[in-house]
Protein backbone atom coordinates (compact mmCIF):
# COMPACT_ATOMS: atom_id res chain seq x y z
CA MET A 1 -10.32 24.91 3.53
CA LYS A 2 -9.45 24.62 -0.18
CA ASP A 3 -5.81 23.80 -1.24
CA HIS A 4 -4.71 25.87 -4.36
CA PHE A 5 -1.75 24.87 -6.21
CA SER A 6 -0.09 26.55 -8.93
CA ARG A 7 1.29 24.96 -11.89
CA ARG A 8 4.79 25.97 -10.91
CA THR A 9 3.94 24.92 -7.00
CA LEU A 10 3.33 21.69 -7.99
CA LEU A 11 6.29 21.14 -10.51
CA ARG A 12 8.42 21.84 -7.45
CA GLY A 13 6.76 20.06 -5.14
CA LEU A 14 6.22 16.82 -6.51
CA GLY A 15 8.62 16.67 -9.20
CA ALA A 16 6.28 14.51 -11.37
CA THR A 17 3.29 15.52 -11.14
CA LEU A 18 -0.42 14.66 -12.62
CA ALA A 19 -1.77 18.34 -12.39
CA LEU A 20 -5.54 16.88 -12.22
CA PRO A 21 -8.73 19.82 -11.44
CA SER A 22 -9.21 16.81 -8.64
CA LEU A 23 -6.13 18.49 -6.75
CA GLU A 24 -8.72 21.25 -6.33
CA ALA A 25 -11.07 18.32 -5.23
CA PHE A 26 -8.83 17.13 -2.46
CA SER A 27 -10.58 19.33 -0.33
CA SER A 28 -14.06 18.63 -1.35
CA LYS A 29 -16.33 15.07 -1.14
CA THR A 30 -16.18 11.41 -2.17
CA LEU A 31 -18.77 9.94 -4.49
CA ALA A 32 -20.63 8.82 -1.29
CA GLY A 33 -20.46 11.96 0.11
CA GLU A 34 -22.22 13.70 -2.75
CA SER A 35 -25.01 11.75 -2.81
CA LYS A 36 -25.26 10.71 1.11
CA ASP A 37 -24.48 7.09 0.26
CA LYS A 38 -23.13 4.72 2.73
CA GLU A 39 -19.31 5.44 2.66
CA PRO A 40 -17.25 2.34 1.57
CA SER A 41 -13.63 1.47 3.69
CA ARG A 42 -10.49 2.06 2.03
CA PHE A 43 -7.54 0.33 2.85
CA ALA A 44 -3.51 1.55 1.93
CA CYS A 45 -0.19 -0.37 2.42
CA PHE A 46 2.94 1.57 2.29
CA TYR A 47 6.35 -0.70 2.66
CA ILE A 48 9.36 0.60 4.29
CA PRO A 49 12.37 -1.00 2.48
CA GLY A 50 15.27 -2.11 4.50
CA ALA A 51 16.13 -0.95 7.76
CA ILE A 52 15.16 1.97 9.92
CA SER A 53 17.08 3.99 12.81
CA GLN A 54 16.03 2.21 15.61
CA TYR A 55 16.74 4.73 17.65
CA SER A 56 15.07 7.66 15.88
CA TRP A 57 11.62 5.65 15.18
CA PHE A 58 10.85 3.82 18.39
CA PRO A 59 9.09 5.49 21.21
CA ASN A 60 10.72 5.49 23.92
CA ASP A 61 7.54 4.90 26.26
CA THR A 62 4.01 3.55 25.67
CA GLY A 63 0.41 4.15 26.34
CA PRO A 64 -1.54 7.32 24.93
CA ASP A 65 0.84 10.27 26.74
CA TYR A 66 3.95 8.59 25.10
CA THR A 67 6.76 11.30 23.70
CA LEU A 68 6.99 11.16 19.90
CA SER A 69 9.94 10.13 18.48
CA ALA A 70 12.19 11.58 16.22
CA SER A 71 10.88 10.26 13.00
CA HIS A 72 7.50 10.72 13.60
CA GLU A 73 7.69 14.27 14.43
CA PRO A 74 6.15 15.26 10.46
CA LEU A 75 3.28 13.30 11.78
CA LYS A 76 2.51 15.15 15.08
CA HIS A 77 -0.12 17.39 13.74
CA HIS A 78 -2.23 13.87 13.22
CA ARG A 79 -1.09 12.29 16.86
CA ASP A 80 -4.77 11.17 17.13
CA ASN A 81 -5.32 9.75 13.96
CA PHE A 82 -2.48 7.13 14.54
CA SER A 83 -0.48 4.57 16.62
CA VAL A 84 2.95 2.76 16.90
CA LEU A 85 3.30 -0.48 17.37
CA THR A 86 6.09 -2.22 18.74
CA GLY A 87 7.09 -5.98 18.74
CA LEU A 88 4.90 -7.34 15.86
CA SER A 89 6.54 -9.63 13.73
CA HIS A 90 6.28 -12.74 11.58
CA ILE A 91 6.85 -15.74 14.01
CA GLU A 92 5.77 -18.94 12.26
CA GLY A 93 6.40 -17.24 8.70
CA ARG A 94 10.14 -15.43 9.75
CA ILE A 95 12.42 -14.86 6.58
CA SER A 96 15.39 -13.23 6.07
CA GLY A 97 17.70 -11.24 4.38
CA HIS A 98 16.34 -8.92 1.49
CA THR A 99 13.38 -11.04 0.49
CA HIS A 100 11.28 -9.10 2.62
CA PRO A 101 8.62 -7.66 0.95
CA TYR A 102 7.62 -10.99 -0.41
CA SER A 103 6.32 -11.93 3.10
CA TRP A 104 5.28 -8.73 4.67
CA LEU A 105 1.74 -9.13 3.75
CA THR A 106 1.37 -12.59 3.51
CA GLY A 107 2.84 -13.82 7.19
CA HIS A 108 4.27 -16.72 4.85
CA ASN A 109 7.46 -18.90 5.14
CA ILE A 110 8.49 -18.47 1.56
CA ASN A 111 11.37 -20.55 1.78
CA LEU A 112 9.08 -23.50 3.78
CA VAL A 113 9.87 -26.25 0.80
CA PRO A 114 13.52 -26.42 0.03
CA GLY A 115 14.73 -25.41 -2.75
CA THR A 116 11.17 -23.51 -4.09
CA ARG A 117 9.77 -20.40 -3.62
CA THR A 118 6.04 -20.43 -2.37
CA ASN A 119 3.71 -17.98 -0.75
CA THR A 120 0.16 -17.24 -0.24
CA ILE A 121 -2.29 -14.50 -0.60
CA SER A 122 -1.15 -10.87 0.46
CA VAL A 123 -3.73 -9.33 3.17
CA ASP A 124 -4.57 -6.58 0.57
CA GLN A 125 -5.99 -8.91 -1.50
CA VAL A 126 -8.10 -10.53 0.46
CA ALA A 127 -9.12 -6.79 1.21
CA ALA A 128 -9.84 -6.36 -2.26
CA LYS A 129 -12.17 -9.13 -2.63
CA HIS A 130 -14.58 -8.03 -0.42
CA LEU A 131 -14.50 -3.89 -0.70
CA GLY A 132 -15.68 -4.36 -4.51
CA PRO A 133 -16.74 -3.86 -6.85
CA THR A 134 -14.84 -1.11 -8.40
CA TYR A 135 -13.23 -0.31 -11.78
CA LEU A 136 -9.80 -1.63 -10.53
CA ASN A 137 -9.94 -4.48 -8.28
CA SER A 138 -6.15 -2.55 -6.59
CA LEU A 139 -3.70 -0.35 -7.53
CA VAL A 140 -0.26 -2.12 -7.12
CA LEU A 141 2.58 0.45 -6.73
CA SER A 142 6.30 0.81 -6.79
CA TRP A 143 9.32 2.44 -7.52
CA ALA A 144 9.83 0.28 -10.46
CA ASN A 145 7.77 -2.02 -12.86
CA GLY A 146 7.82 -5.57 -11.99
CA VAL A 147 7.54 -8.12 -9.74
CA GLY A 148 9.47 -10.06 -6.71
CA THR A 149 10.52 -7.69 -4.25
CA THR A 150 9.61 -4.75 -6.63
CA THR A 151 5.40 -5.67 -5.29
CA LEU A 152 3.89 -6.18 -2.36
CA SER A 153 0.34 -8.03 -3.63
CA ARG A 154 -0.02 -11.48 -4.20
CA ASN A 155 -3.11 -12.96 -5.44
CA SER A 156 -4.99 -15.91 -4.24
CA LEU A 157 -2.56 -18.54 -5.83
CA GLY A 158 0.38 -16.38 -4.01
CA VAL A 159 1.55 -15.48 -7.37
CA ASP A 160 3.26 -12.26 -7.45
CA ILE A 161 1.01 -9.04 -9.18
CA PRO A 162 2.91 -6.88 -10.98
CA ALA A 163 3.81 -3.43 -9.60
CA THR A 164 4.18 -0.61 -11.78
CA ALA A 165 5.92 2.92 -11.62
CA ASP A 166 4.96 4.46 -14.77
CA TYR A 167 2.54 7.48 -13.68
CA ARG A 168 0.37 7.98 -17.31
CA ARG A 169 0.15 3.90 -16.84
CA VAL A 170 -1.29 4.19 -13.61
CA PHE A 171 -3.71 6.64 -14.39
CA GLU A 172 -5.06 5.27 -17.87
CA ASN A 173 -5.52 2.30 -15.81
CA LEU A 174 -7.17 3.80 -13.31
CA PHE A 175 -9.96 5.63 -14.78
CA PRO A 176 -12.37 4.47 -17.96
CA PRO A 177 -11.45 6.22 -21.05
CA ALA A 178 -13.39 9.70 -21.42
CA ASP A 179 -14.27 9.26 -24.93
CA ARG A 180 -17.37 7.13 -25.77
CA SER A 181 -15.93 5.90 -28.89
CA GLU A 182 -13.21 4.84 -26.78
CA ILE A 183 -15.20 3.20 -24.41
CA LYS A 184 -16.45 1.60 -26.91
CA LYS A 185 -13.31 -0.26 -27.63
CA ALA A 186 -12.39 -0.70 -24.09
CA GLN A 187 -15.96 -2.69 -23.77
CA GLU A 188 -15.29 -4.92 -26.90
CA ARG A 189 -11.65 -5.66 -25.43
CA LEU A 190 -13.49 -6.87 -22.07
CA ALA A 191 -16.40 -8.99 -24.57
CA LEU A 192 -13.30 -10.74 -26.27
CA ASN A 193 -11.49 -11.49 -22.82
CA ARG A 194 -14.48 -13.01 -21.20
CA SER A 195 -15.35 -15.17 -24.33
CA ILE A 196 -11.43 -16.20 -23.83
CA LEU A 197 -11.94 -16.77 -20.38
CA ASP A 198 -15.24 -18.86 -20.89
CA THR A 199 -13.81 -20.98 -23.89
CA ALA A 200 -10.70 -21.77 -21.58
CA LEU A 201 -13.06 -22.59 -18.82
CA GLY A 202 -15.10 -25.15 -21.23
CA ASP A 203 -11.54 -26.93 -22.15
CA VAL A 204 -10.21 -27.13 -18.35
CA ASN A 205 -13.70 -28.36 -17.14
CA ALA A 206 -13.45 -31.12 -19.42
CA ILE A 207 -9.84 -31.83 -18.72
CA LYS A 208 -10.60 -31.94 -15.39
CA ARG A 209 -12.55 -34.74 -15.25
CA LYS A 210 -9.88 -37.17 -16.52
CA LEU A 211 -7.65 -36.16 -13.92
CA GLY A 212 -6.77 -37.97 -10.61
CA ARG A 213 -8.45 -36.85 -6.81
CA ILE A 214 -4.77 -34.39 -6.12
CA ASP A 215 -4.55 -32.72 -9.56
CA GLN A 216 -8.27 -31.99 -9.17
CA ASP A 217 -7.48 -30.29 -6.21
CA ARG A 218 -4.97 -28.52 -7.28
CA LEU A 219 -6.36 -27.41 -10.98
CA GLU A 220 -9.54 -25.96 -8.94
CA GLN A 221 -7.18 -23.63 -6.81
CA TYR A 222 -6.22 -22.38 -10.39
CA LEU A 223 -9.85 -22.57 -11.90
CA HIS A 224 -10.73 -20.27 -8.09
CA SER A 225 -8.00 -17.49 -9.40
CA VAL A 226 -9.45 -17.63 -13.00
CA ARG A 227 -13.23 -17.16 -11.10
CA ASP A 228 -11.94 -13.90 -9.63
CA VAL A 229 -10.57 -12.43 -12.68
CA GLU A 230 -13.81 -13.34 -14.36
CA LYS A 231 -15.78 -11.56 -11.74
CA ARG A 232 -13.30 -8.40 -12.15
CA LEU A 233 -14.21 -8.46 -15.72
CA ILE A 234 -17.96 -8.68 -15.04
CA GLN A 235 -17.62 -5.77 -12.78
CA LYS A 236 -15.33 -3.42 -15.22
CA GLU A 237 -18.39 -4.07 -17.90
CA ALA A 238 -20.67 -2.43 -15.36
CA ILE A 239 -18.50 0.47 -14.09
CA LEU A 240 -17.32 1.77 -17.53
CA LYS A 241 -21.29 1.85 -18.74
CA ASP A 242 -21.13 5.08 -16.28
CA GLY A 243 -17.71 6.15 -17.56
CA ARG A 244 -15.19 8.19 -16.44
CA PRO A 245 -15.60 10.63 -13.09
CA ASN A 246 -16.63 14.03 -13.78
CA PHE A 247 -13.76 16.18 -14.14
CA ASP A 248 -12.23 17.89 -17.13
CA GLN A 249 -9.76 15.84 -18.62
CA ALA A 250 -8.42 18.86 -20.97
CA LYS A 251 -6.87 20.00 -17.54
CA VAL A 252 -4.54 16.63 -17.08
CA ARG A 253 -1.07 17.19 -17.64
CA LEU A 254 1.55 14.61 -17.14
CA GLU A 255 5.06 15.98 -16.71
CA ARG A 256 8.24 15.03 -15.02
CA GLU A 257 11.31 17.06 -13.77
CA ALA A 258 14.86 15.45 -14.52
CA ARG A 259 15.61 15.30 -10.90
CA ASN A 260 16.24 11.92 -9.10
CA SER A 261 14.12 12.34 -6.21
CA MET A 262 12.25 9.60 -4.72
CA GLN A 263 10.43 11.73 -2.39
CA GLU A 264 8.86 13.13 -5.61
CA HIS A 265 8.01 9.92 -6.90
CA ILE A 266 6.49 9.08 -3.22
CA GLU A 267 4.42 12.42 -3.74
CA LEU A 268 2.87 11.66 -6.86
CA MET A 269 1.72 8.04 -6.19
CA THR A 270 0.28 8.86 -3.53
CA ASP A 271 -1.54 11.91 -5.17
CA LEU A 272 -2.68 9.34 -7.24
CA ILE A 273 -3.93 6.91 -4.56
CA ALA A 274 -6.07 9.80 -3.16
CA LEU A 275 -7.56 9.95 -6.27
CA ALA A 276 -8.49 6.68 -6.98
CA PHE A 277 -10.11 6.56 -3.39
CA GLN A 278 -11.74 10.04 -3.72
CA THR A 279 -13.25 9.00 -6.88
CA ASP A 280 -14.04 5.46 -5.79
CA MET A 281 -12.21 3.80 -8.72
CA THR A 282 -10.55 1.40 -6.70
CA ARG A 283 -10.77 0.93 -2.37
CA VAL A 284 -7.13 -0.80 -2.29
CA ALA A 285 -3.90 0.31 -2.86
CA THR A 286 -0.22 -1.04 -1.99
CA GLN A 287 3.02 0.63 -2.35
CA CYS A 288 6.46 -0.22 -1.95
CA LEU A 289 8.50 3.03 -0.62
CA GLY A 290 11.80 2.05 -2.44
CA GLY A 291 13.81 -0.95 -2.88
CA GLU A 292 16.07 -3.25 -0.69
CA ALA A 293 19.29 -2.71 -2.35
CA GLY A 294 18.26 0.56 -4.48
CA PRO A 295 17.88 2.51 -6.53
CA ASN A 296 20.16 4.73 -5.68
CA TYR A 297 18.18 8.46 -5.42
CA ASP A 298 19.61 11.46 -4.92
CA ASP A 299 18.04 12.12 -1.37
CA TYR A 300 20.69 9.99 -0.13
CA LYS A 301 23.10 12.19 -1.38
CA ASP A 302 21.75 14.65 0.26
CA TRP A 303 21.49 13.26 3.94
CA ALA A 304 24.53 11.98 3.52
CA ARG A 305 25.93 15.52 3.36
CA GLN A 306 24.03 16.64 6.02
CA ALA A 307 24.58 13.61 8.57
CA GLY A 308 28.31 14.08 7.53
CA ALA A 309 28.22 10.29 6.17
CA ARG A 310 30.02 8.64 3.74
CA LEU A 311 28.87 8.80 -0.09
CA ARG A 312 27.08 4.71 -0.25
CA GLY A 313 24.69 3.05 -2.26
CA THR A 314 21.26 2.24 -0.87
CA HIS A 315 22.18 -1.33 0.26
CA ASP A 316 24.89 -0.11 2.42
CA VAL A 317 22.95 2.43 3.55
CA HIS A 318 20.36 -0.02 4.61
CA HIS A 319 23.63 -1.94 6.42
CA LYS A 320 25.62 0.51 7.48
CA GLY A 321 22.75 2.69 9.23
CA GLY A 322 20.42 0.19 10.63
CA GLY A 323 21.41 -2.32 13.85
CA ASN A 324 22.99 -0.70 17.36
CA ARG A 325 25.46 1.34 15.59
CA GLY A 326 25.01 4.34 18.24
CA GLU A 327 22.63 7.06 17.37
CA GLY A 328 25.38 9.48 17.02
CA ASN A 329 26.69 7.41 14.04
CA PRO A 330 27.09 9.27 10.86
CA ASP A 331 25.32 6.52 8.92
CA VAL A 332 22.34 6.09 11.36
CA ILE A 333 21.58 9.83 10.90
CA ALA A 334 21.32 9.46 7.34
CA LEU A 335 18.77 6.83 7.81
CA GLY A 336 16.53 8.54 10.31
CA LEU A 337 16.60 11.38 7.54
CA ARG A 338 15.21 8.72 4.98
CA ASP A 339 12.81 7.75 7.71
CA LYS A 340 11.74 10.97 8.35
CA MET A 341 11.36 11.62 5.05
CA LEU A 342 8.95 8.72 4.74
CA CYS A 343 6.95 9.96 7.59
CA ALA A 344 6.46 13.13 5.99
CA CYS A 345 4.95 11.62 3.05
CA ILE A 346 2.58 9.62 4.74
CA ALA A 347 1.46 12.79 6.78
CA ARG A 348 0.94 14.69 3.01
CA PHE A 349 -0.92 11.50 2.19
CA MET A 350 -3.17 11.78 5.89
CA ASP A 351 -3.49 15.59 5.07
CA LYS A 352 -4.97 15.29 1.28
CA LEU A 353 -7.39 12.18 2.64
CA GLN A 354 -8.12 14.51 5.81
CA GLY A 355 -9.41 17.51 3.57
CA ILE A 356 -11.76 15.09 1.66
CA GLU A 357 -15.19 15.08 2.91
CA ALA A 358 -16.97 11.54 2.92
CA SER A 359 -20.62 10.82 4.16
CA GLU A 360 -19.74 10.94 7.81
CA GLY A 361 -16.37 12.28 8.59
CA SER A 362 -13.54 12.65 6.00
CA LEU A 363 -12.28 10.25 3.36
CA LEU A 364 -8.99 9.67 6.47
CA ASP A 365 -11.93 8.16 8.44
CA HIS A 366 -12.73 5.29 6.22
CA THR A 367 -9.37 4.32 5.02
CA VAL A 368 -7.15 1.94 7.45
CA ILE A 369 -3.41 3.13 6.26
CA LEU A 370 -0.72 0.19 7.30
CA PHE A 371 2.77 1.97 6.77
CA GLY A 372 5.97 0.21 7.93
CA GLY A 373 8.53 -1.99 7.54
CA ALA A 374 9.86 -5.80 8.32
CA GLN A 375 13.06 -4.91 9.57
CA THR A 376 15.01 -3.17 12.28
CA ALA A 377 18.15 -3.86 10.63
CA SER A 378 19.57 -5.73 7.55
CA HIS A 379 18.49 -9.19 7.89
CA VAL A 380 16.65 -8.74 11.03
CA GLY A 381 12.73 -9.25 11.09
CA VAL A 382 11.85 -8.74 14.62
CA SER A 383 9.64 -5.84 15.70
CA PHE A 384 8.58 -4.54 12.34
CA PRO A 385 8.25 -1.17 12.50
CA THR A 386 4.18 -0.17 12.11
CA ILE A 387 2.14 2.21 12.06
CA VAL A 388 -1.64 2.27 11.90
CA ALA A 389 -3.16 5.36 10.72
CA GLY A 390 -7.19 6.30 9.86
CA GLY A 391 -10.10 4.39 10.34
CA LYS A 392 -12.33 5.93 12.93
CA GLN A 393 -15.76 6.05 11.37
CA LEU A 394 -14.43 1.91 11.43
CA GLY A 395 -14.17 1.97 14.75
CA LEU A 396 -9.92 2.09 15.22
CA LYS A 397 -8.88 3.92 17.98
CA HIS A 398 -5.51 5.77 18.00
CA GLY A 399 -2.96 8.21 19.66
CA HIS A 400 -1.48 5.68 21.60
CA HIS A 401 1.81 3.92 21.41
CA THR A 402 1.74 -0.12 22.60
CA ARG A 403 4.94 -2.39 22.82
CA TRP A 404 4.88 -6.07 22.83
CA PRO A 405 7.69 -8.44 24.13
CA LEU A 406 9.45 -9.63 20.93
CA ASP A 407 7.96 -12.97 19.13
CA LYS A 408 4.58 -13.12 21.67
CA ARG A 409 2.48 -11.19 19.38
CA PRO A 410 2.29 -11.98 15.20
CA MET A 411 1.52 -9.28 12.91
CA SER A 412 -1.06 -11.53 11.58
CA ASP A 413 -3.40 -10.52 14.11
CA LEU A 414 -3.07 -6.85 13.16
CA TYR A 415 -3.99 -8.05 9.74
CA LEU A 416 -7.18 -9.86 11.19
CA THR A 417 -7.95 -6.92 13.07
CA ILE A 418 -7.72 -4.29 9.88
CA LEU A 419 -9.50 -6.92 7.85
CA GLN A 420 -12.55 -7.26 10.38
CA LYS A 421 -12.40 -3.26 10.55
CA LEU A 422 -12.95 -2.96 6.56
CA GLY A 423 -16.09 -4.74 7.24
CA CYS A 424 -14.58 -8.04 5.73
CA PRO A 425 -16.08 -11.35 6.73
CA VAL A 426 -12.83 -12.91 7.55
CA ASP A 427 -12.21 -14.72 11.35
CA SER A 428 -8.43 -15.55 10.76
CA PHE A 429 -5.24 -14.91 9.25
CA LYS A 430 -2.21 -17.03 8.48
CA GLU A 431 -0.66 -17.36 11.87
CA SER A 432 -3.26 -15.05 13.42
CA SER A 433 -5.11 -15.86 17.07
CA ASP A 434 -6.80 -12.82 18.18
CA THR A 435 -7.45 -9.25 16.92
CA ILE A 436 -5.91 -6.55 18.36
CA SER A 437 -7.72 -4.73 21.55
CA GLU A 438 -5.76 -1.79 21.47
CA LEU A 439 -6.88 -0.55 18.55
CA LEU A 440 -10.32 -0.56 18.72
CA VAL A 441 -12.91 1.80 20.27
């Protein structure tokens, strides 16, 4: 069934929207679906900032016949397409405070070396290494532009990959230019970048021969990261020759209402991810769904009024709404409404992917979605709230709630499972010991 959206409907539903003709194509086909080629795997990660309402998030019972929790109600029509996992956490890599976005996808204790903050590669970037080539190596999105807790992604050196929150910038980075003259300019820029990179590599290799063993090892780590950049430039050059996917650029509009709604922001960004996956411009995406201590969107004011809670800043909502304050506590109820909104956004994203025909099944069947956070209450990094969805054609099994005792199963086991189902040739990730059999067909 085709989705038909009027401009007014889009503006009301998304607030800030890209009125693409591809919104109609959400119920059409992927590129592989059109050509009947083998469908590539995709991976999308969505991070819940701060705490969650543990009373409405965690189901009471386990197994395939578990009772859906209140927070997950918006996902009920996708019950057979997602699984709830409880008890996973970073064990050796545990941290505290509001820096959890640094380690959620890496499993690394960023405070391992006193006085410094170190990190390692995030699981999405491991996937991005193996799921290309695509025009954009990965799509890194957030509620604000920047690094630190704003971004979820770290490169092979553990360095932050900056996140983007500007819709026009996301779109322009995501697609090659439509005009042939602009494509030529883009090709010239890539050629210049490659020339600069080649010169730099030559200089570095000359220096390397004069260094001691330890410095040579450090430099080799750096060069490995640079070679990744070089490889992506070559891939991008090849893809530029094909130009932009076939849609009418004249129908592309970028408009934003003055409303300060986090839900509208998330919906717009997930629409861009769905479009990117459908057109195969990228196969990996991450999105931080808000800040550990902000921003103070209008949504919170609505939830506080609805719950009879005091108006608080985002930081206080996480602190007062998390933990064991009682399910009738107004702050807990307000946070639960936030959780339900986020689940509704993921359900909407899944609807989009399910409506796109792939070479086999739907785009949802070829996309693994990781949705969750790293805290049950502020500063409490145990039993990560975790949902895994999609990927049925990749060998994932859903429709169940599985719970493990605290500190017995590392989150890295889930990351290893996901990477292998995506088709990545890896046999470990951080503190993993095995794959999660409950998720496997």
